[in-house]
Each structure stands twice: as structure tokens, then as C-alpha cells.
Amino acid sequence: MGTESIDIKHIARVEGHGSLYVTTKDGELVDVKMAVDEGARLFEAFLQGREYTEVPEIACRICAICSASHRVVSTKAVEKAMGIEVDQQVTDLRRLLIWGEYIESHILHALYLALPDYVGHESVISAAADFPDVVKIALKLKKLGNDLQILTGGREVHQVTPMIGGFSAYPSHQDLEVLRERLQDARSDLQVCLDVWAGLEEPQFERETDYFALRRDDEYALVGGDLASLSGVRAPVEDYKKYIGERIPEYSFAKAGIRDGHGIFVGALARLNINRDLLSPFAKSALKTLGIDLPSYNTFHNNAAQLIETAQVFDMADATISSLLSSDLEWHEPETTPKAGKGTAMTEAPRGSLVHSYEFNKNGLLKTADIIAPTTMNYTNMEEDVRALFPQIAGGSKESIELMLNRLIRAYDPCISCSCHVAKVR
């Protein structure tokens, strides 16, 4: 048989440009390479020398889908470095901004990018003929998520109102009431999507790996908490380098996460596995509808996990709006003074754990930045999953093998541009 290659160049229905290369010899798997084809974007380098107030403005441009998460976690890292504390309404507004991002991003992936894989279509455009109601609902839910981001951040992408210590503009009580009513009305729409997904057939694949996510004892952790793993790690986020390493593949323009020589998995499925005891009522109902037993080691369940988390976010957003409605929603100018300091913050972006770590000099100018995006953390695990899945599908046609490998990578909901902010040095 000799040496054969399966080259999937520019994996479809993901954010950014990535390729998967699988090499076999005499039918046996020899090598797997998940390559990032986009050029390095060098955010960590050109943030150097910037004033601390500018850093979140620039950092949120890393990604147009996860810009709210980058904005919030960058701001929190700067505030840690400068010793700035914020009040509860600022915390609540940031949370509500993130909830909007979750709804928009999870619905986009699960119902537009992943659903066609389950129903035998190449895209959501062709799938709309068979699932018109689901596609219409997806548009409605995606707009709801965007409108939450507009309300709290000024616009859907690269939000403009969040700032160090607070926000430059606050929503009115009336606007919050309207959004809460829309959220409550949309629960039935999300339930329709959950019911449809429950009737789909999940690929049978399991591989235990090192799941990582934030963990809190008081709520399902999406914004803030300790770094935790399903295997029992619990540590302050400042210790992230002890548990999350990075290697530099010679065939890729992005680093790849690694721990003890193996990959790690971050994202919706990791969060469900680690925080399953803290699910809200709607999320528990969604989990029951989808019939997933936790912890799950099936990577393909990451798609369904995003729908469960959307239900979780509906409940959390409702509670957060209630908290905001009891506050004055008036701008209080934060007191900020530049100084030397270090700050590390982590949040759970829709695609997984996101780290921003900064050091500033006495003038408040940034000396060093370390940014690790969720997809960066997942690259090694993607390759290890391909190695485990390939023997199960090797007997099929080349087309069927390519489809399953595409589906596996898509299940991670990779944000390839987001991960590609470093360069190889030759």
C-alpha cells in the first residue's frame, strides 16, 4: 500500500484558516499535523510600550467573535496590575456582556456550523430546506445575543463602552427590562432547538483527556474563578503556567497547548464536566433533553454542550439583569493612577479558557504580555483525538474519512485567528 496522505486544506465552517494533514503507511497511522495557515499577528509584541488604558482597546481586536471576552479579561488583568477595584454593577454589566457573546457564539456554531454535519448537508443554507424553523430560530437567538452586547458594550463587535474601572455608558432600566422579556420569551425557541438536537445521532467516540476550566463554588464558572481540571487540579489563575504549557510546532503559525507531554481540552464540554453540579434549572433540563451522561469523554458532545450552556446563560442573564435593575446604573468615574505591577486574569470565552497576563513599568507602560487563547490550548488535543479516532474510521472511503475528521475538528469550534498571535522564530 505504501505511504498515503489525507490532506484537508482549509477546514470548512470554522473561524480562520487551518489544515489537517494525516499520513499513513501500509494502512497504519504515521503522523497527524493540525496546521494553522494564517500569518502570525504578533499581538503580544505590539502591545509592548502601550499605556495601560490602551491595552484592552487593542487586545479585543484579537478576535471579532470573542471580542467581549478579550476585552473583559484584558481589562481585569490591567486592573489587577494597577490595584483597581470595581463595584458590583460594573461586574454585572461585564457579565451581561459576556452572556450576550455566549448566546451569539454558541448558536452560531451549534446551529449554523455544526448542525449540517448531523443532517447530511454541506451548509446551513441547504439545511434550511429541511429545518426552516430551526434556522429561523437560530437567526432570532443570534440577534438576541448581539443585542445584549450592543446594550452593554455599545456594539456587537469590538465593544466601545467598557473601560478600565467601569463603563463609559450604561443601559437604562427600561432597556434592561425589554431585554429580559426577550430572554424569557426566547426560552421556548431554545427548547425547540434542544428537542431537534435530541433527535440527532452523535458519533460514537470516547477518549479520556485532561479537561480544564474555571471553577467556582457558588455558581457555574464562566467569568472568574480558580483554574481547575477534571482530574482534581484547583489553583489560582496566577499559577496557570504550572499547568498549561505551550509547544511550538514547526509546521504551524500558532503554539499548541500541552501538559505533561499531552494535550488538554478546554471549552463547553470541559466546563460541563467540571461544573456539572452547578447547572441552573434550565441547563439541567437541557442536559436531560439531550440525554448526555456527565462526565462525557466524547469530543463530539462539545456541540450539544454549547446548547446546554446557552440554557445556562439564559438563567444567569436573567439573574444578572435583576441585579442591575436594583442598582442606580450611573457612571462613577474610576480613580486610576499608573504604576508598576503585574496582573493575570482568566475568563471562559465561549470556546474555552482564555488567559491574559501583563507586566507594566512605573509609568503604566506595558513591558510584557502573555496571551493564551482557547484554541491554542486545544491544538495538541485535536491531534491526539485524530490519532484515536482514525483506526475506527480507517476502513471507510477517503470521502467518509475526511468528513469525520472535519467533523471532529469542527466539534472543538476552533477560533483559529484568535489563536494565531505569535510567530515562529527561525
Protein backbone atom coordinates (compact mmCIF):
# COMPACT_ATOMS: atom_id res chain seq x y z
CA MET A 1 0.00 0.00 0.00
CA GLY A 2 2.88 2.38 0.73
CA THR A 3 2.60 5.88 2.19
CA GLU A 4 -0.63 7.79 1.74
CA SER A 5 -1.79 11.22 2.84
CA ILE A 6 -5.13 12.73 3.73
CA ASP A 7 -4.75 16.48 3.38
CA ILE A 8 -7.71 18.58 4.47
CA LYS A 9 -6.70 22.08 3.50
CA HIS A 10 -8.69 24.94 4.97
CA ILE A 11 -11.17 23.11 7.16
CA ALA A 12 -14.63 24.43 6.37
CA ARG A 13 -17.16 26.00 8.71
CA VAL A 14 -14.66 27.19 11.32
CA GLU A 15 -13.32 30.64 12.11
CA GLY A 16 -9.99 31.20 10.38
CA HIS A 17 -7.80 29.03 8.18
CA GLY A 18 -6.43 25.72 9.39
CA SER A 19 -5.49 22.45 7.73
CA LEU A 20 -5.22 18.85 8.89
CA TYR A 21 -2.59 16.51 7.47
CA VAL A 22 -2.79 12.78 8.18
CA THR A 23 -0.09 10.38 6.95
CA THR A 24 -0.46 6.60 6.81
CA LYS A 25 1.89 3.80 5.77
CA ASP A 26 0.58 0.39 4.80
CA GLY A 27 -2.76 1.39 6.31
CA GLU A 28 -1.29 2.34 9.69
CA LEU A 29 -1.36 5.91 11.05
CA VAL A 30 2.08 7.51 11.00
CA ASP A 31 1.64 11.23 11.63
CA VAL A 32 -1.01 13.87 12.39
CA LYS A 33 -0.47 17.60 11.99
CA MET A 34 -3.02 20.28 12.78
CA ALA A 35 -1.54 23.29 10.98
CA VAL A 36 -2.53 26.92 11.32
CA ASP A 37 -2.11 28.57 7.94
CA GLU A 38 -2.75 32.18 8.92
CA GLY A 39 0.20 34.51 9.33
CA ALA A 40 1.33 35.49 12.79
CA ARG A 41 -0.49 38.51 14.20
CA LEU A 42 2.04 39.45 16.90
CA PHE A 43 -0.36 40.98 19.46
CA GLU A 44 1.92 40.17 22.37
CA ALA A 45 4.72 42.08 20.66
CA PHE A 46 2.97 45.23 19.54
CA LEU A 47 1.18 45.66 22.88
CA GLN A 48 4.59 46.35 24.40
CA GLY A 49 5.13 50.01 25.23
CA ARG A 50 1.42 50.85 25.21
CA GLU A 51 -0.22 52.74 28.06
CA TYR A 52 -2.29 50.56 30.36
CA THR A 53 -5.52 52.29 29.28
CA GLU A 54 -4.87 51.36 25.65
CA VAL A 55 -4.18 47.67 26.19
CA PRO A 56 -7.79 46.37 26.35
CA GLU A 57 -8.73 48.54 23.35
CA ILE A 58 -6.10 46.77 21.27
CA ALA A 59 -6.37 43.29 22.81
CA CYS A 60 -10.07 42.94 21.98
CA ARG A 61 -9.11 43.18 18.29
CA ILE A 62 -7.56 39.73 18.53
CA CYS A 63 -10.96 38.30 17.62
CA ALA A 64 -14.19 39.63 16.11
CA ILE A 65 -16.28 36.80 17.60
CA CYS A 66 -14.78 36.66 21.10
CA SER A 67 -14.01 40.38 21.37
CA ALA A 68 -16.12 40.78 24.53
CA SER A 69 -14.18 38.05 26.33
CA HIS A 70 -10.85 39.50 25.26
CA ARG A 71 -11.99 42.99 26.28
CA VAL A 72 -13.19 41.92 29.72
CA VAL A 73 -10.28 39.65 30.62
CA SER A 74 -7.72 42.18 29.37
CA THR A 75 -9.38 44.90 31.43
CA LYS A 76 -9.40 42.72 34.53
CA ALA A 77 -5.70 41.88 34.09
CA VAL A 78 -4.86 45.59 33.82
CA GLU A 79 -6.95 46.37 36.91
CA LYS A 80 -5.14 43.70 38.89
CA ALA A 81 -1.81 45.18 37.89
CA MET A 82 -2.92 48.70 38.83
CA GLY A 83 -4.72 47.71 42.03
CA ILE A 84 -8.10 48.94 40.76
CA GLU A 85 -11.30 47.53 42.23
CA VAL A 86 -14.73 47.83 40.64
CA ASP A 87 -18.24 47.85 42.11
CA GLN A 88 -20.96 45.24 41.66
CA GLN A 89 -22.80 46.98 38.84
CA VAL A 90 -19.60 47.08 36.76
CA THR A 91 -19.11 43.38 37.45
CA ASP A 92 -22.73 42.68 36.48
CA LEU A 93 -22.52 44.67 33.25
CA ARG A 94 -19.38 42.81 32.24
CA ARG A 95 -21.08 39.52 32.96
CA LEU A 96 -24.12 40.50 30.89
CA LEU A 97 -21.83 41.47 28.02
CA ILE A 98 -20.24 38.02 28.17
CA TRP A 99 -23.66 36.31 28.34
CA GLY A 100 -24.57 38.03 25.07
CA GLU A 101 -21.37 36.78 23.48
CA TYR A 102 -22.12 33.23 24.65
CA ILE A 103 -25.58 33.21 23.12
CA GLU A 104 -24.39 34.64 19.81
CA SER A 105 -21.29 32.44 19.54
CA HIS A 106 -22.81 29.15 20.72
CA ILE A 107 -25.86 29.48 18.47
CA LEU A 108 -23.63 30.39 15.52
CA HIS A 109 -21.51 27.29 15.98
CA ALA A 110 -24.06 24.68 17.02
CA LEU A 111 -26.85 25.58 14.60
CA TYR A 112 -25.00 27.11 11.65
CA LEU A 113 -21.61 25.39 11.55
CA ALA A 114 -22.11 22.02 13.26
CA LEU A 115 -25.75 21.12 12.50
CA PRO A 116 -25.15 20.46 8.76
CA ASP A 117 -22.74 17.66 9.74
CA TYR A 118 -25.56 15.84 11.54
CA VAL A 119 -28.19 16.16 8.83
CA GLY A 120 -26.22 15.40 5.68
CA HIS A 121 -25.86 18.92 4.33
CA GLU A 122 -22.83 20.92 3.24
CA SER A 123 -24.02 24.17 4.80
CA VAL A 124 -26.84 25.75 6.78
CA ILE A 125 -28.16 27.22 3.51
CA SER A 126 -29.03 23.80 2.13
CA ALA A 127 -30.07 22.54 5.58
CA ALA A 128 -32.65 25.32 5.79
CA ALA A 129 -34.82 23.43 3.32
CA ASP A 130 -35.24 20.56 5.81
CA PHE A 131 -35.07 22.60 9.03
CA PRO A 132 -36.58 26.02 8.22
CA ASP A 133 -37.93 26.62 11.73
CA VAL A 134 -34.58 25.85 13.40
CA VAL A 135 -32.69 28.15 11.03
CA LYS A 136 -35.18 30.98 11.62
CA ILE A 137 -34.94 30.48 15.38
CA ALA A 138 -31.15 30.48 15.16
CA LEU A 139 -31.24 33.88 13.45
CA LYS A 140 -33.53 35.19 16.18
CA LEU A 141 -31.36 33.85 19.02
CA LYS A 142 -28.16 35.09 17.42
CA LYS A 143 -29.67 38.58 17.16
CA LEU A 144 -30.66 38.40 20.83
CA GLY A 145 -27.05 37.70 21.77
CA ASN A 146 -25.84 40.57 19.60
CA ASP A 147 -28.41 42.95 21.09
CA LEU A 148 -27.21 42.07 24.60
CA GLN A 149 -23.70 43.04 23.53
CA ILE A 150 -24.92 46.28 21.96
CA LEU A 151 -26.82 47.17 25.13
CA THR A 152 -23.84 46.63 27.42
CA GLY A 153 -20.85 47.24 25.13
CA GLY A 154 -22.06 49.76 22.59
CA ARG A 155 -21.88 47.45 19.60
CA GLU A 156 -21.72 43.76 18.69
CA VAL A 157 -18.01 43.59 17.85
CA HIS A 158 -15.00 45.29 19.47
CA GLN A 159 -17.13 46.92 22.14
CA VAL A 160 -16.53 50.60 22.86
CA THR A 161 -18.09 51.37 26.26
CA PRO A 162 -16.09 49.06 28.59
CA MET A 163 -13.12 50.81 30.16
CA ILE A 164 -10.63 50.46 32.97
CA GLY A 165 -12.65 50.66 36.19
CA GLY A 166 -16.09 50.79 34.60
CA PHE A 167 -18.08 51.73 31.52
CA SER A 168 -18.36 54.99 29.60
CA ALA A 169 -22.11 54.48 29.15
CA TYR A 170 -24.76 52.50 30.98
CA PRO A 171 -28.04 50.99 29.77
CA SER A 172 -31.34 52.30 31.05
CA HIS A 173 -33.58 50.30 33.35
CA GLN A 174 -36.21 50.30 30.61
CA ASP A 175 -33.83 48.80 28.03
CA LEU A 176 -32.80 46.11 30.50
CA GLU A 177 -36.45 45.24 31.16
CA VAL A 178 -37.07 44.87 27.42
CA LEU A 179 -34.06 42.56 27.02
CA ARG A 180 -35.12 40.47 29.98
CA GLU A 181 -38.56 39.98 28.44
CA ARG A 182 -36.94 38.93 25.16
CA LEU A 183 -34.73 36.46 27.01
CA GLN A 184 -37.72 34.95 28.77
CA ASP A 185 -39.68 34.69 25.51
CA ALA A 186 -36.70 33.07 23.75
CA ARG A 187 -36.58 30.12 26.15
CA SER A 188 -39.24 28.32 24.13
CA ASP A 189 -37.24 28.93 20.94
CA LEU A 190 -34.13 27.42 22.51
CA GLN A 191 -36.19 24.45 23.69
CA VAL A 192 -37.22 23.79 20.08
CA CYS A 193 -33.54 23.62 19.12
CA LEU A 194 -32.79 21.30 22.04
CA ASP A 195 -35.63 18.99 21.03
CA VAL A 196 -34.38 18.85 17.44
CA TRP A 197 -30.81 18.15 18.56
CA ALA A 198 -32.03 15.35 20.84
CA GLY A 199 -33.18 13.50 17.73
CA LEU A 200 -29.76 13.63 16.06
CA GLU A 201 -27.25 10.78 16.15
CA GLU A 202 -23.94 11.54 17.83
CA PRO A 203 -20.77 9.81 16.55
CA GLN A 204 -19.61 7.10 18.94
CA PHE A 205 -16.16 8.15 20.08
CA GLU A 206 -14.58 8.43 23.52
CA ARG A 207 -11.11 9.38 24.70
CA GLU A 208 -10.33 10.50 28.21
CA THR A 209 -8.14 13.57 28.32
CA ASP A 210 -7.16 16.42 30.65
CA TYR A 211 -10.21 18.72 30.81
CA PHE A 212 -9.53 22.25 32.15
CA ALA A 213 -11.89 25.10 33.01
CA LEU A 214 -12.52 27.71 35.65
CA ARG A 215 -14.28 26.58 38.81
CA ARG A 216 -16.20 28.44 41.48
CA ASP A 217 -18.09 27.04 44.46
CA ASP A 218 -21.03 29.45 44.22
CA GLU A 219 -22.00 29.27 40.53
CA TYR A 220 -21.26 27.71 37.16
CA ALA A 221 -17.94 29.40 36.40
CA LEU A 222 -17.85 31.45 33.21
CA VAL A 223 -16.32 34.71 34.44
CA GLY A 224 -13.74 34.37 37.21
CA GLY A 225 -12.79 31.51 39.50
CA ASP A 226 -9.90 29.11 40.05
CA LEU A 227 -8.17 27.07 37.38
CA ALA A 228 -9.45 23.51 37.71
CA SER A 229 -9.25 20.17 35.95
CA LEU A 230 -11.47 17.11 35.93
CA SER A 231 -8.52 15.18 37.38
CA GLY A 232 -8.50 17.34 40.52
CA VAL A 233 -6.32 20.40 39.89
CA ARG A 234 -7.52 23.51 41.75
CA ALA A 235 -5.20 26.51 41.66
CA PRO A 236 -5.19 30.32 41.49
CA VAL A 237 -5.23 31.61 37.92
CA GLU A 238 -1.85 33.23 38.54
CA ASP A 239 -0.38 29.72 38.58
CA TYR A 240 -1.59 28.91 35.06
CA LYS A 241 1.93 28.28 33.73
CA LYS A 242 2.32 25.37 36.14
CA TYR A 243 -0.49 23.53 34.39
CA ILE A 244 -0.76 24.95 30.86
CA GLY A 245 2.35 24.79 28.72
CA GLU A 246 2.86 25.62 25.07
CA ARG A 247 4.93 23.95 22.36
CA ILE A 248 5.88 25.48 19.03
CA PRO A 249 5.07 23.13 16.12
CA GLU A 250 7.43 23.68 13.20
CA TYR A 251 4.53 23.20 10.75
CA SER A 252 2.17 25.82 12.22
CA PHE A 253 1.92 29.55 12.88
CA ALA A 254 0.47 29.08 16.35
CA LYS A 255 1.61 27.45 19.56
CA ALA A 256 -0.12 24.34 20.88
CA GLY A 257 -1.20 23.69 24.46
CA ILE A 258 0.39 20.85 26.34
CA ARG A 259 0.63 19.39 29.86
CA ASP A 260 2.98 16.62 30.90
CA GLY A 261 3.59 15.81 27.26
CA HIS A 262 -0.09 15.51 26.35
CA GLY A 263 -2.91 17.73 25.16
CA ILE A 264 -5.57 19.47 27.21
CA PHE A 265 -9.22 20.18 26.36
CA VAL A 266 -10.95 23.47 27.12
CA GLY A 267 -14.42 24.56 26.04
CA ALA A 268 -18.09 23.87 26.70
CA LEU A 269 -17.69 20.13 27.29
CA ALA A 270 -14.78 20.69 29.68
CA ARG A 271 -16.84 23.24 31.63
CA LEU A 272 -19.83 20.89 31.82
CA ASN A 273 -17.65 18.05 33.06
CA ILE A 274 -16.01 20.17 35.75
CA ASN A 275 -19.01 22.28 36.83
CA ARG A 276 -21.88 19.84 36.27
CA ASP A 277 -23.02 20.10 39.90
CA LEU A 278 -23.70 23.83 39.49
CA LEU A 279 -26.01 23.79 36.48
CA SER A 280 -29.07 26.07 36.60
CA PRO A 281 -32.62 24.66 36.28
CA PHE A 282 -32.92 25.37 32.53
CA ALA A 283 -29.48 23.88 31.87
CA LYS A 284 -30.34 20.76 33.88
CA SER A 285 -33.49 20.40 31.80
CA ALA A 286 -31.46 20.83 28.60
CA LEU A 287 -28.99 18.19 29.73
CA LYS A 288 -31.87 15.78 30.39
CA THR A 289 -33.41 16.54 26.98
CA LEU A 290 -30.14 15.74 25.22
CA GLY A 291 -29.54 12.62 27.29
CA ILE A 292 -25.82 13.18 27.90
CA ASP A 293 -24.22 11.46 30.88
CA LEU A 294 -21.57 13.56 32.61
CA PRO A 295 -18.68 13.44 32.69
CA SER A 296 -18.59 12.80 28.96
CA TYR A 297 -15.41 11.89 27.08
CA ASN A 298 -16.95 12.18 23.61
CA THR A 299 -15.46 15.22 21.88
CA PHE A 300 -18.47 15.45 19.55
CA HIS A 301 -20.61 16.25 22.61
CA ASN A 302 -18.96 19.66 22.69
CA ASN A 303 -21.56 20.76 20.12
CA ALA A 304 -24.50 19.77 22.32
CA ALA A 305 -22.69 21.15 25.37
CA GLN A 306 -22.85 24.59 23.79
CA LEU A 307 -26.64 24.39 23.61
CA ILE A 308 -26.77 23.32 27.26
CA GLU A 309 -24.58 26.28 28.17
CA THR A 310 -26.86 28.60 26.22
CA ALA A 311 -29.67 27.48 28.53
CA GLN A 312 -27.33 28.09 31.47
CA VAL A 313 -26.61 31.61 30.23
CA PHE A 314 -30.33 32.36 29.84
CA ASP A 315 -30.78 31.72 33.57
CA MET A 316 -27.62 33.62 34.54
CA ALA A 317 -28.52 36.60 32.34
CA ASP A 318 -31.95 36.82 33.92
CA ALA A 319 -30.39 36.89 37.40
CA THR A 320 -27.76 39.43 36.33
CA ILE A 321 -30.38 41.77 34.87
CA SER A 322 -32.35 41.55 38.13
CA SER A 323 -29.21 42.60 40.00
CA LEU A 324 -28.61 45.52 37.63
CA LEU A 325 -32.21 46.71 37.92
CA SER A 326 -31.66 47.16 41.66
CA SER A 327 -28.64 49.47 41.10
CA ASP A 328 -28.51 53.13 40.09
CA LEU A 329 -26.81 52.46 36.71
CA GLU A 330 -24.90 55.71 36.92
CA TRP A 331 -21.34 56.20 35.84
CA HIS A 332 -18.83 56.59 38.65
CA GLU A 333 -15.51 57.84 37.32
CA PRO A 334 -12.82 55.38 38.41
CA GLU A 335 -9.66 56.65 40.03
CA THR A 336 -6.68 55.27 38.14
CA THR A 337 -3.02 56.04 38.62
CA PRO A 338 -0.31 54.37 36.56
CA LYS A 339 2.20 52.28 38.49
CA ALA A 340 4.42 49.24 38.13
CA GLY A 341 2.62 45.96 38.56
CA LYS A 342 1.69 42.52 37.28
CA GLY A 343 -1.79 41.24 36.59
CA THR A 344 -3.16 37.91 35.39
CA ALA A 345 -6.80 37.22 34.62
CA MET A 346 -8.69 34.27 33.16
CA THR A 347 -12.19 34.03 31.84
CA GLU A 348 -14.16 31.39 30.00
CA ALA A 349 -14.62 32.58 26.44
CA PRO A 350 -17.28 30.57 24.55
CA ARG A 351 -14.54 28.35 23.11
CA GLY A 352 -12.72 27.80 26.41
CA SER A 353 -10.33 29.23 28.98
CA LEU A 354 -8.65 32.50 28.00
CA VAL A 355 -5.56 33.93 29.71
CA HIS A 356 -4.22 37.49 29.63
CA SER A 357 -1.17 38.21 31.77
CA TYR A 358 0.62 41.59 31.81
CA GLU A 359 3.51 43.39 33.45
CA PHE A 360 3.75 47.22 33.49
CA ASN A 361 6.54 49.63 34.40
CA LYS A 362 6.17 52.52 36.84
CA ASN A 363 4.74 54.75 34.12
CA GLY A 364 1.98 52.27 33.34
CA LEU A 365 3.55 51.19 30.07
CA LEU A 366 3.29 47.53 29.20
CA LYS A 367 6.56 45.59 29.44
CA THR A 368 5.41 42.05 28.62
CA ALA A 369 2.19 40.30 27.63
CA ASP A 370 1.30 36.62 27.63
CA ILE A 371 -1.98 35.71 25.93
CA ILE A 372 -3.18 32.11 25.57
CA ALA A 373 -6.38 31.64 23.59
CA PRO A 374 -8.65 28.58 23.98
CA THR A 375 -7.92 27.16 20.54
CA THR A 376 -4.19 27.40 21.24
CA MET A 377 -4.74 25.19 24.28
CA ASN A 378 -6.71 22.65 22.22
CA TYR A 379 -4.38 22.07 19.25
CA THR A 380 -2.41 19.17 20.74
CA ASN A 381 -5.61 17.54 21.94
CA MET A 382 -7.07 17.81 18.43
CA GLU A 383 -4.14 15.84 17.06
CA GLU A 384 -4.44 13.23 19.81
CA ASP A 385 -8.17 12.87 19.12
CA VAL A 386 -7.45 12.32 15.41
CA ARG A 387 -4.96 9.59 16.34
CA ALA A 388 -7.61 7.88 18.48
CA LEU A 389 -10.47 8.27 16.01
CA PHE A 390 -8.60 7.28 12.85
CA PRO A 391 -8.45 3.50 13.48
CA GLN A 392 -12.25 3.49 13.92
CA ILE A 393 -12.88 5.10 10.54
CA ALA A 394 -9.88 3.85 8.51
CA GLY A 395 -11.93 1.19 6.70
CA GLY A 396 -14.21 3.73 5.06
CA SER A 397 -13.83 5.63 1.81
CA LYS A 398 -11.50 8.60 1.63
CA GLU A 399 -14.52 10.90 1.46
CA SER A 400 -16.09 9.42 4.60
CA ILE A 401 -12.77 9.59 6.47
CA GLU A 402 -12.31 13.24 5.51
CA LEU A 403 -15.85 14.05 6.60
CA MET A 404 -15.39 12.50 10.06
CA LEU A 405 -12.05 14.24 10.56
CA ASN A 406 -13.62 17.54 9.53
CA ARG A 407 -16.45 16.93 11.98
CA LEU A 408 -14.03 16.15 14.79
CA ILE A 409 -12.05 19.37 14.35
CA ARG A 410 -15.24 21.40 13.92
CA ALA A 411 -16.58 19.98 17.19
CA TYR A 412 -13.91 21.99 19.01
CA ASP A 413 -15.40 25.17 17.49
CA PRO A 414 -11.86 26.38 16.78
CA CYS A 415 -11.19 30.10 16.55
CA ILE A 416 -8.01 29.87 14.50
CA SER A 417 -7.38 33.59 14.01
CA CYS A 418 -7.79 34.10 17.74
CA SER A 419 -5.05 31.57 18.46
CA CYS A 420 -2.55 32.89 15.95
CA HIS A 421 -0.96 35.85 17.72
CA VAL A 422 2.62 34.53 17.96
CA ALA A 423 5.27 33.70 15.40
CA LYS A 424 7.92 31.08 14.94
CA VAL A 425 11.46 32.32 15.21
CA ARG A 426 13.85 30.53 12.90
